[in-house]
Amino acid sequence: MLTPVHWQLVVHGRVQGVFYRARVAEAAHRYAVAGSVENRPDGKVFIDVQGPREMVEAFLSDVSGPRGLSDARRLERVAELPVSSELRGFEIRR
Protein backbone atom coordinates (compact mmCIF):
# COMPACT_ATOMS: atom_id res chain seq x y z
CA MET A 1 0.00 0.00 0.00
CA LEU A 2 1.29 3.47 -0.90
CA THR A 3 1.32 5.97 1.95
CA PRO A 4 0.05 9.41 0.90
CA VAL A 5 1.86 12.60 1.98
CA HIS A 6 1.08 16.31 1.66
CA TRP A 7 4.16 18.56 1.73
CA GLN A 8 4.82 22.23 1.15
CA LEU A 9 8.24 23.31 -0.06
CA VAL A 10 10.18 26.44 -0.92
CA VAL A 11 12.59 26.16 -3.84
CA HIS A 12 15.81 28.17 -3.76
CA GLY A 13 17.98 28.94 -6.79
CA ARG A 14 17.40 30.31 -10.28
CA VAL A 15 13.73 29.42 -10.54
CA GLN A 16 11.84 32.51 -11.73
CA GLY A 17 11.63 33.66 -15.34
CA VAL A 18 13.22 30.42 -16.57
CA PHE A 19 10.15 28.17 -17.18
CA TYR A 20 10.65 26.38 -13.88
CA ARG A 21 6.94 26.37 -12.96
CA ALA A 22 6.16 24.70 -16.31
CA ARG A 23 8.84 22.08 -15.55
CA VAL A 24 7.21 21.43 -12.16
CA ALA A 25 3.71 21.12 -13.67
CA GLU A 26 4.93 18.68 -16.33
CA ALA A 27 6.60 16.54 -13.66
CA ALA A 28 3.44 16.64 -11.53
CA HIS A 29 1.42 15.25 -14.42
CA ARG A 30 4.08 12.62 -15.13
CA TYR A 31 4.05 11.39 -11.50
CA ALA A 32 0.29 11.91 -11.02
CA VAL A 33 0.65 14.12 -7.94
CA ALA A 34 -1.73 16.93 -6.98
CA GLY A 35 -1.08 20.48 -5.86
CA SER A 36 0.24 23.76 -7.17
CA VAL A 37 3.36 25.79 -7.88
CA GLU A 38 3.72 29.56 -7.65
CA ASN A 39 6.32 32.31 -7.68
CA ARG A 40 6.96 34.16 -4.44
CA PRO A 41 7.85 37.85 -4.24
CA ASP A 42 11.26 36.99 -2.73
CA GLY A 43 12.43 35.22 -5.93
CA LYS A 44 11.77 31.71 -4.63
CA VAL A 45 9.09 29.26 -5.77
CA PHE A 46 6.49 27.61 -3.52
CA ILE A 47 5.32 24.03 -4.20
CA ASP A 48 2.32 22.39 -2.54
CA VAL A 49 2.30 18.69 -3.44
CA GLN A 50 0.30 15.64 -2.40
CA GLY A 51 0.34 12.02 -3.48
CA PRO A 52 1.82 8.63 -2.66
CA ARG A 53 5.14 9.13 -0.84
CA GLU A 54 7.13 7.28 -3.51
CA MET A 55 5.63 9.40 -6.31
CA VAL A 56 6.13 12.67 -4.41
CA GLU A 57 9.76 11.79 -3.73
CA ALA A 58 10.34 10.91 -7.41
CA PHE A 59 8.61 14.16 -8.44
CA LEU A 60 10.83 16.22 -6.12
CA SER A 61 13.94 14.50 -7.40
CA ASP A 62 12.85 15.33 -10.96
CA VAL A 63 12.31 19.04 -10.24
CA SER A 64 15.54 19.58 -8.30
CA GLY A 65 18.87 20.55 -9.79
CA PRO A 66 19.70 22.27 -13.07
CA ARG A 67 17.74 21.77 -16.27
CA GLY A 68 17.51 24.20 -19.13
CA LEU A 69 17.76 27.73 -17.77
CA SER A 70 16.54 26.80 -14.28
CA ASP A 71 18.63 25.61 -11.36
CA ALA A 72 16.65 24.48 -8.32
CA ARG A 73 19.56 24.33 -5.91
CA ARG A 74 17.66 23.49 -2.75
CA LEU A 75 14.15 22.28 -1.96
CA GLU A 76 13.27 23.17 1.62
CA ARG A 77 10.32 21.30 3.10
CA VAL A 78 8.50 23.87 5.23
CA ALA A 79 5.35 21.97 6.23
CA GLU A 80 3.79 18.52 6.33
CA LEU A 81 0.00 18.79 6.23
CA PRO A 82 -2.83 16.30 6.57
CA VAL A 83 -3.72 14.64 3.28
CA SER A 84 -6.73 16.37 1.72
CA SER A 85 -9.37 14.58 -0.34
CA GLU A 86 -10.17 17.97 -1.91
CA LEU A 87 -6.74 18.49 -3.49
CA ARG A 88 -6.96 17.29 -7.11
CA GLY A 89 -5.01 18.08 -10.23
CA PHE A 90 -2.01 20.39 -10.42
CA GLU A 91 -2.01 24.07 -11.27
CA ILE A 92 0.43 26.85 -11.98
CA ARG A 93 -0.38 29.96 -9.99
CA ARG A 94 0.93 33.51 -10.50
C-alpha atoms as a PDB file:
ATOM      1  CA  MET A   1       0.000   0.000   0.000  1.00  0.00           C
ATOM      2  CA  LEU A   2       1.291   3.470  -0.903  1.00  0.00           C
ATOM      3  CA  THR A   3       1.321   5.969   1.951  1.00  0.00           C
ATOM      4  CA  PRO A   4       0.052   9.414   0.902  1.00  0.00           C
ATOM      5  CA  VAL A   5       1.855  12.597   1.976  1.00  0.00           C
ATOM      6  CA  HIS A   6       1.084  16.307   1.661  1.00  0.00           C
ATOM      7  CA  TRP A   7       4.159  18.561   1.727  1.00  0.00           C
ATOM      8  CA  GLN A   8       4.816  22.227   1.148  1.00  0.00           C
ATOM      9  CA  LEU A   9       8.239  23.313  -0.061  1.00  0.00           C
ATOM     10  CA  VAL A  10      10.179  26.439  -0.918  1.00  0.00           C
ATOM     11  CA  VAL A  11      12.591  26.161  -3.836  1.00  0.00           C
ATOM     12  CA  HIS A  12      15.812  28.169  -3.760  1.00  0.00           C
ATOM     13  CA  GLY A  13      17.975  28.936  -6.791  1.00  0.00           C
ATOM     14  CA  ARG A  14      17.403  30.314 -10.278  1.00  0.00           C
ATOM     15  CA  VAL A  15      13.729  29.419 -10.544  1.00  0.00           C
ATOM     16  CA  GLN A  16      11.845  32.513 -11.731  1.00  0.00           C
ATOM     17  CA  GLY A  17      11.631  33.664 -15.342  1.00  0.00           C
ATOM     18  CA  VAL A  18      13.219  30.422 -16.571  1.00  0.00           C
ATOM     19  CA  PHE A  19      10.155  28.169 -17.181  1.00  0.00           C
ATOM     20  CA  TYR A  20      10.650  26.377 -13.875  1.00  0.00           C
ATOM     21  CA  ARG A  21       6.938  26.370 -12.958  1.00  0.00           C
ATOM     22  CA  ALA A  22       6.161  24.697 -16.310  1.00  0.00           C
ATOM     23  CA  ARG A  23       8.842  22.079 -15.555  1.00  0.00           C
ATOM     24  CA  VAL A  24       7.211  21.434 -12.163  1.00  0.00           C
ATOM     25  CA  ALA A  25       3.711  21.123 -13.672  1.00  0.00           C
ATOM     26  CA  GLU A  26       4.934  18.682 -16.328  1.00  0.00           C
ATOM     27  CA  ALA A  27       6.602  16.541 -13.660  1.00  0.00           C
ATOM     28  CA  ALA A  28       3.439  16.645 -11.526  1.00  0.00           C
ATOM     29  CA  HIS A  29       1.421  15.248 -14.418  1.00  0.00           C
ATOM     30  CA  ARG A  30       4.077  12.615 -15.126  1.00  0.00           C
ATOM     31  CA  TYR A  31       4.049  11.393 -11.503  1.00  0.00           C
ATOM     32  CA  ALA A  32       0.291  11.905 -11.017  1.00  0.00           C
ATOM     33  CA  VAL A  33       0.651  14.122  -7.943  1.00  0.00           C
ATOM     34  CA  ALA A  34      -1.728  16.932  -6.983  1.00  0.00           C
ATOM     35  CA  GLY A  35      -1.079  20.484  -5.857  1.00  0.00           C
ATOM     36  CA  SER A  36       0.242  23.759  -7.167  1.00  0.00           C
ATOM     37  CA  VAL A  37       3.356  25.795  -7.885  1.00  0.00           C
ATOM     38  CA  GLU A  38       3.721  29.561  -7.647  1.00  0.00           C
ATOM     39  CA  ASN A  39       6.319  32.312  -7.679  1.00  0.00           C
ATOM     40  CA  ARG A  40       6.964  34.159  -4.439  1.00  0.00           C
ATOM     41  CA  PRO A  41       7.853  37.853  -4.236  1.00  0.00           C
ATOM     42  CA  ASP A  42      11.262  36.986  -2.728  1.00  0.00           C
ATOM     43  CA  GLY A  43      12.426  35.218  -5.925  1.00  0.00           C
ATOM     44  CA  LYS A  44      11.775  31.714  -4.635  1.00  0.00           C
ATOM     45  CA  VAL A  45       9.092  29.255  -5.768  1.00  0.00           C
ATOM     46  CA  PHE A  46       6.486  27.606  -3.521  1.00  0.00           C
ATOM     47  CA  ILE A  47       5.324  24.033  -4.202  1.00  0.00           C
ATOM     48  CA  ASP A  48       2.317  22.392  -2.537  1.00  0.00           C
ATOM     49  CA  VAL A  49       2.297  18.692  -3.439  1.00  0.00           C
ATOM     50  CA  GLN A  50       0.303  15.638  -2.397  1.00  0.00           C
ATOM     51  CA  GLY A  51       0.340  12.016  -3.476  1.00  0.00           C
ATOM     52  CA  PRO A  52       1.819   8.630  -2.657  1.00  0.00           C
ATOM     53  CA  ARG A  53       5.139   9.133  -0.839  1.00  0.00           C
ATOM     54  CA  GLU A  54       7.127   7.276  -3.510  1.00  0.00           C
ATOM     55  CA  MET A  55       5.626   9.395  -6.305  1.00  0.00           C
ATOM     56  CA  VAL A  56       6.126  12.673  -4.409  1.00  0.00           C
ATOM     57  CA  GLU A  57       9.761  11.787  -3.726  1.00  0.00           C
ATOM     58  CA  ALA A  58      10.341  10.914  -7.412  1.00  0.00           C
ATOM     59  CA  PHE A  59       8.608  14.162  -8.439  1.00  0.00           C
ATOM     60  CA  LEU A  60      10.826  16.218  -6.115  1.00  0.00           C
ATOM     61  CA  SER A  61      13.939  14.499  -7.403  1.00  0.00           C
ATOM     62  CA  ASP A  62      12.850  15.328 -10.961  1.00  0.00           C
ATOM     63  CA  VAL A  63      12.312  19.043 -10.240  1.00  0.00           C
ATOM     64  CA  SER A  64      15.537  19.579  -8.297  1.00  0.00           C
ATOM     65  CA  GLY A  65      18.870  20.548  -9.791  1.00  0.00           C
ATOM     66  CA  PRO A  66      19.696  22.265 -13.066  1.00  0.00           C
ATOM     67  CA  ARG A  67      17.742  21.770 -16.269  1.00  0.00           C
ATOM     68  CA  GLY A  68      17.515  24.197 -19.130  1.00  0.00           C
ATOM     69  CA  LEU A  69      17.760  27.732 -17.774  1.00  0.00           C
ATOM     70  CA  SER A  70      16.544  26.803 -14.282  1.00  0.00           C
ATOM     71  CA  ASP A  71      18.626  25.606 -11.357  1.00  0.00           C
ATOM     72  CA  ALA A  72      16.649  24.481  -8.317  1.00  0.00           C
ATOM     73  CA  ARG A  73      19.558  24.330  -5.910  1.00  0.00           C
ATOM     74  CA  ARG A  74      17.660  23.493  -2.745  1.00  0.00           C
ATOM     75  CA  LEU A  75      14.154  22.277  -1.959  1.00  0.00           C
ATOM     76  CA  GLU A  76      13.265  23.170   1.616  1.00  0.00           C
ATOM     77  CA  ARG A  77      10.320  21.299   3.104  1.00  0.00           C
ATOM     78  CA  VAL A  78       8.496  23.870   5.232  1.00  0.00           C
ATOM     79  CA  ALA A  79       5.350  21.966   6.225  1.00  0.00           C
ATOM     80  CA  GLU A  80       3.793  18.524   6.326  1.00  0.00           C
ATOM     81  CA  LEU A  81       0.002  18.790   6.226  1.00  0.00           C
ATOM     82  CA  PRO A  82      -2.834  16.300   6.566  1.00  0.00           C
ATOM     83  CA  VAL A  83      -3.722  14.640   3.279  1.00  0.00           C
ATOM     84  CA  SER A  84      -6.726  16.367   1.720  1.00  0.00           C
ATOM     85  CA  SER A  85      -9.370  14.580  -0.337  1.00  0.00           C
ATOM     86  CA  GLU A  86     -10.173  17.971  -1.906  1.00  0.00           C
ATOM     87  CA  LEU A  87      -6.737  18.489  -3.486  1.00  0.00           C
ATOM     88  CA  ARG A  88      -6.964  17.285  -7.107  1.00  0.00           C
ATOM     89  CA  GLY A  89      -5.008  18.078 -10.232  1.00  0.00           C
ATOM     90  CA  PHE A  90      -2.013  20.391 -10.417  1.00  0.00           C
ATOM     91  CA  GLU A  91      -2.010  24.074 -11.266  1.00  0.00           C
ATOM     92  CA  ILE A  92       0.432  26.854 -11.982  1.00  0.00           C
ATOM     93  CA  ARG A  93      -0.380  29.964  -9.986  1.00  0.00           C
ATOM     94  CA  ARG A  94       0.931  33.506 -10.497  1.00  0.00           C
END
